[in-house]
Amino acid sequence: MIFMQAKPIFTNLLQKALELVRACPCSDEKGCPNCIQHVACTEYNAVISKSMATVVLQCALEQELKIHGSAICLQGDNNYGDS
């Protein structure tokens, strides 16, 4: 199962995904294929939001750290509007 393979590194995956979205230099709120867009999306990425992707990743990471007590430090602040 893929989940069982990802479980030991899930916190790190969330951290890296959050860093990728925050560091992406694109200026469009809909992001770009390098951060949040999926080129094969049949809905043309119509309902995505770079700032909301940041919120979801930040909240998921915070919960993961709370539950599992990981020592990974969050980079950046808790300003969910930054990208």
N, C-alpha and C. Protein backbone atom coordinates (compact mmCIF):
# COMPACT_ATOMS: atom_id res chain seq x y z
N MET A 1 0.84 -1.18 0.00
CA MET A 1 0.00 0.00 0.00
C MET A 1 0.89 1.25 0.00
N ILE A 2 0.49 2.20 -0.79
CA ILE A 2 1.26 3.44 -0.90
C ILE A 2 1.27 4.18 0.43
N PHE A 3 0.13 4.19 1.13
CA PHE A 3 0.07 4.90 2.40
C PHE A 3 1.12 4.40 3.38
N MET A 4 1.30 3.11 3.45
CA MET A 4 2.27 2.54 4.39
C MET A 4 3.70 2.95 4.03
N GLN A 5 3.97 3.14 2.75
CA GLN A 5 5.29 3.59 2.33
C GLN A 5 5.49 5.07 2.64
N ALA A 6 4.42 5.84 2.51
CA ALA A 6 4.51 7.28 2.73
C ALA A 6 4.44 7.66 4.21
N LYS A 7 3.83 6.82 5.03
CA LYS A 7 3.60 7.15 6.43
C LYS A 7 4.86 7.61 7.17
N PRO A 8 5.99 6.91 7.04
CA PRO A 8 7.18 7.35 7.78
C PRO A 8 7.73 8.72 7.35
N ILE A 9 7.40 9.12 6.13
CA ILE A 9 7.94 10.40 5.63
C ILE A 9 6.84 11.43 5.38
N PHE A 10 5.61 11.16 5.85
CA PHE A 10 4.47 12.03 5.56
C PHE A 10 4.70 13.46 6.06
N THR A 11 5.20 13.61 7.27
CA THR A 11 5.44 14.95 7.82
C THR A 11 6.43 15.71 6.95
N ASN A 12 7.48 15.02 6.53
CA ASN A 12 8.48 15.64 5.67
C ASN A 12 7.88 16.00 4.30
N LEU A 13 7.02 15.15 3.77
CA LEU A 13 6.35 15.45 2.51
C LEU A 13 5.50 16.71 2.62
N LEU A 14 4.75 16.83 3.71
CA LEU A 14 3.95 18.04 3.93
C LEU A 14 4.83 19.27 4.02
N GLN A 15 5.92 19.17 4.77
CA GLN A 15 6.86 20.29 4.93
C GLN A 15 7.42 20.71 3.57
N LYS A 16 7.86 19.76 2.78
CA LYS A 16 8.45 20.07 1.47
C LYS A 16 7.40 20.66 0.53
N ALA A 17 6.18 20.15 0.57
CA ALA A 17 5.11 20.69 -0.28
C ALA A 17 4.81 22.14 0.10
N LEU A 18 4.75 22.42 1.40
CA LEU A 18 4.50 23.78 1.86
C LEU A 18 5.64 24.70 1.43
N GLU A 19 6.87 24.26 1.58
CA GLU A 19 8.02 25.06 1.15
C GLU A 19 7.97 25.33 -0.35
N LEU A 20 7.59 24.31 -1.13
CA LEU A 20 7.52 24.47 -2.58
C LEU A 20 6.48 25.52 -2.96
N VAL A 21 5.30 25.46 -2.36
CA VAL A 21 4.25 26.43 -2.69
C VAL A 21 4.66 27.83 -2.27
N ARG A 22 5.21 27.97 -1.07
CA ARG A 22 5.62 29.30 -0.59
C ARG A 22 6.77 29.88 -1.41
N ALA A 23 7.68 29.04 -1.87
CA ALA A 23 8.86 29.53 -2.58
C ALA A 23 8.63 29.76 -4.07
N CYS A 24 7.53 29.26 -4.61
CA CYS A 24 7.29 29.41 -6.04
C CYS A 24 7.16 30.89 -6.39
N PRO A 25 7.91 31.34 -7.38
CA PRO A 25 7.88 32.77 -7.72
C PRO A 25 6.67 33.22 -8.54
N CYS A 26 5.77 32.30 -8.89
CA CYS A 26 4.62 32.72 -9.70
C CYS A 26 3.79 33.73 -8.92
N SER A 27 3.18 34.64 -9.63
CA SER A 27 2.41 35.69 -8.96
C SER A 27 0.90 35.50 -9.11
N ASP A 28 0.49 34.53 -9.88
CA ASP A 28 -0.94 34.28 -10.10
C ASP A 28 -1.54 33.56 -8.89
N GLU A 29 -2.69 34.00 -8.40
CA GLU A 29 -3.37 33.36 -7.27
C GLU A 29 -3.72 31.91 -7.59
N LYS A 30 -3.85 31.57 -8.87
CA LYS A 30 -4.15 30.20 -9.26
C LYS A 30 -2.89 29.34 -9.33
N GLY A 31 -1.76 29.92 -8.98
CA GLY A 31 -0.53 29.16 -8.99
C GLY A 31 -0.06 28.86 -10.40
N CYS A 32 0.79 27.86 -10.51
CA CYS A 32 1.34 27.46 -11.80
C CYS A 32 1.60 25.96 -11.75
N PRO A 33 1.98 25.35 -12.88
CA PRO A 33 2.25 23.91 -12.88
C PRO A 33 3.41 23.50 -11.95
N ASN A 34 4.25 24.45 -11.57
CA ASN A 34 5.35 24.13 -10.67
C ASN A 34 4.93 24.06 -9.20
N CYS A 35 3.81 24.70 -8.86
CA CYS A 35 3.43 24.68 -7.44
C CYS A 35 2.11 23.94 -7.19
N ILE A 36 0.99 24.38 -7.76
CA ILE A 36 -0.26 23.71 -7.40
C ILE A 36 -1.11 23.25 -8.58
N GLN A 37 -0.85 23.74 -9.78
CA GLN A 37 -1.67 23.34 -10.92
C GLN A 37 -1.32 21.93 -11.39
N HIS A 38 -2.31 21.25 -11.93
CA HIS A 38 -2.11 19.93 -12.52
C HIS A 38 -2.42 20.06 -14.00
N VAL A 39 -1.44 19.77 -14.85
CA VAL A 39 -1.60 19.99 -16.29
C VAL A 39 -2.69 19.11 -16.91
N ALA A 40 -3.04 18.01 -16.29
CA ALA A 40 -4.06 17.12 -16.84
C ALA A 40 -5.45 17.36 -16.25
N CYS A 41 -5.60 18.43 -15.48
CA CYS A 41 -6.89 18.71 -14.85
C CYS A 41 -7.97 18.95 -15.90
N THR A 42 -9.04 18.18 -15.84
CA THR A 42 -10.13 18.33 -16.81
C THR A 42 -11.00 19.56 -16.53
N GLU A 43 -10.82 20.16 -15.37
CA GLU A 43 -11.56 21.38 -15.02
C GLU A 43 -10.70 22.62 -15.23
N TYR A 44 -9.56 22.46 -15.88
CA TYR A 44 -8.66 23.56 -16.20
C TYR A 44 -8.20 24.32 -14.95
N ASN A 45 -8.04 23.62 -13.84
CA ASN A 45 -7.57 24.21 -12.59
C ASN A 45 -8.41 25.41 -12.18
N ALA A 46 -9.70 25.35 -12.46
CA ALA A 46 -10.59 26.50 -12.25
C ALA A 46 -10.84 26.83 -10.79
N VAL A 47 -10.77 25.88 -9.90
CA VAL A 47 -11.14 26.14 -8.51
C VAL A 47 -9.96 26.04 -7.54
N ILE A 48 -8.76 26.26 -8.04
CA ILE A 48 -7.60 26.19 -7.14
C ILE A 48 -7.18 27.57 -6.70
N SER A 49 -6.47 27.61 -5.60
CA SER A 49 -6.02 28.86 -5.02
C SER A 49 -4.69 28.61 -4.31
N LYS A 50 -3.69 29.38 -4.67
CA LYS A 50 -2.38 29.22 -4.07
C LYS A 50 -2.43 29.53 -2.57
N SER A 51 -3.15 30.57 -2.18
CA SER A 51 -3.22 30.91 -0.76
C SER A 51 -3.98 29.83 0.03
N MET A 52 -5.01 29.26 -0.56
CA MET A 52 -5.75 28.19 0.14
C MET A 52 -4.94 26.90 0.18
N ALA A 53 -4.14 26.64 -0.84
CA ALA A 53 -3.25 25.48 -0.80
C ALA A 53 -2.27 25.63 0.37
N THR A 54 -1.80 26.85 0.58
CA THR A 54 -0.90 27.13 1.70
C THR A 54 -1.61 26.88 3.03
N VAL A 55 -2.85 27.32 3.14
CA VAL A 55 -3.63 27.10 4.37
C VAL A 55 -3.81 25.61 4.64
N VAL A 56 -4.21 24.86 3.63
CA VAL A 56 -4.44 23.43 3.80
C VAL A 56 -3.15 22.72 4.21
N LEU A 57 -2.06 23.03 3.53
CA LEU A 57 -0.79 22.38 3.86
C LEU A 57 -0.32 22.76 5.27
N GLN A 58 -0.44 24.04 5.62
CA GLN A 58 -0.02 24.51 6.94
C GLN A 58 -0.84 23.82 8.03
N CYS A 59 -2.15 23.77 7.86
CA CYS A 59 -3.01 23.14 8.87
C CYS A 59 -2.74 21.65 8.98
N ALA A 60 -2.58 20.98 7.85
CA ALA A 60 -2.28 19.55 7.87
C ALA A 60 -0.94 19.30 8.56
N LEU A 61 0.04 20.13 8.28
CA LEU A 61 1.35 19.97 8.90
C LEU A 61 1.28 20.23 10.40
N GLU A 62 0.56 21.26 10.81
CA GLU A 62 0.41 21.55 12.23
C GLU A 62 -0.25 20.38 12.97
N GLN A 63 -1.28 19.80 12.37
CA GLN A 63 -1.94 18.65 12.99
C GLN A 63 -1.02 17.43 13.04
N GLU A 64 -0.29 17.21 12.00
CA GLU A 64 0.66 16.09 11.96
C GLU A 64 1.70 16.25 13.06
N LEU A 65 2.20 17.46 13.23
CA LEU A 65 3.21 17.72 14.27
C LEU A 65 2.60 17.57 15.66
N LYS A 66 1.35 18.03 15.81
CA LYS A 66 0.67 17.93 17.10
C LYS A 66 0.44 16.46 17.48
N ILE A 67 -0.01 15.68 16.54
CA ILE A 67 -0.32 14.26 16.79
C ILE A 67 0.94 13.43 17.00
N HIS A 68 1.93 13.65 16.16
CA HIS A 68 3.11 12.80 16.19
C HIS A 68 4.30 13.42 16.90
N GLY A 69 4.18 14.68 17.29
CA GLY A 69 5.25 15.33 18.06
C GLY A 69 6.58 15.37 17.36
N SER A 70 6.56 15.55 16.07
CA SER A 70 7.80 15.58 15.31
C SER A 70 8.62 16.80 15.68
N ALA A 71 9.91 16.70 15.51
CA ALA A 71 10.82 17.79 15.85
C ALA A 71 11.05 18.73 14.68
N ILE A 72 10.35 18.51 13.56
CA ILE A 72 10.54 19.37 12.40
C ILE A 72 10.04 20.77 12.73
N CYS A 73 10.85 21.77 12.44
CA CYS A 73 10.46 23.17 12.67
C CYS A 73 9.69 23.69 11.47
N LEU A 74 8.66 24.44 11.73
CA LEU A 74 7.94 25.10 10.66
C LEU A 74 8.71 26.34 10.25
N GLN A 75 8.89 26.50 8.96
CA GLN A 75 9.54 27.70 8.48
C GLN A 75 8.48 28.73 8.15
N GLY A 76 8.80 29.99 8.31
CA GLY A 76 7.84 31.04 8.06
C GLY A 76 6.93 31.22 9.25
N ASP A 77 6.01 32.15 9.10
CA ASP A 77 5.10 32.39 10.21
C ASP A 77 3.76 31.74 9.93
N ASN A 78 2.79 32.00 10.73
CA ASN A 78 1.46 31.43 10.56
C ASN A 78 0.54 32.36 9.79
N ASN A 79 1.12 33.26 9.01
CA ASN A 79 0.33 34.15 8.18
C ASN A 79 -0.12 33.37 6.96
N TYR A 80 -1.34 32.87 7.00
CA TYR A 80 -1.82 31.99 5.95
C TYR A 80 -2.00 32.67 4.62
N GLY A 81 -1.98 33.97 4.58
CA GLY A 81 -2.15 34.67 3.33
C GLY A 81 -0.88 34.80 2.51
N ASP A 82 0.29 34.53 3.11
CA ASP A 82 1.51 34.70 2.33
C ASP A 82 1.69 33.54 1.37
N SER A 83 2.40 33.82 0.29
CA SER A 83 2.61 32.79 -0.71
C SER A 83 4.06 32.70 -1.10
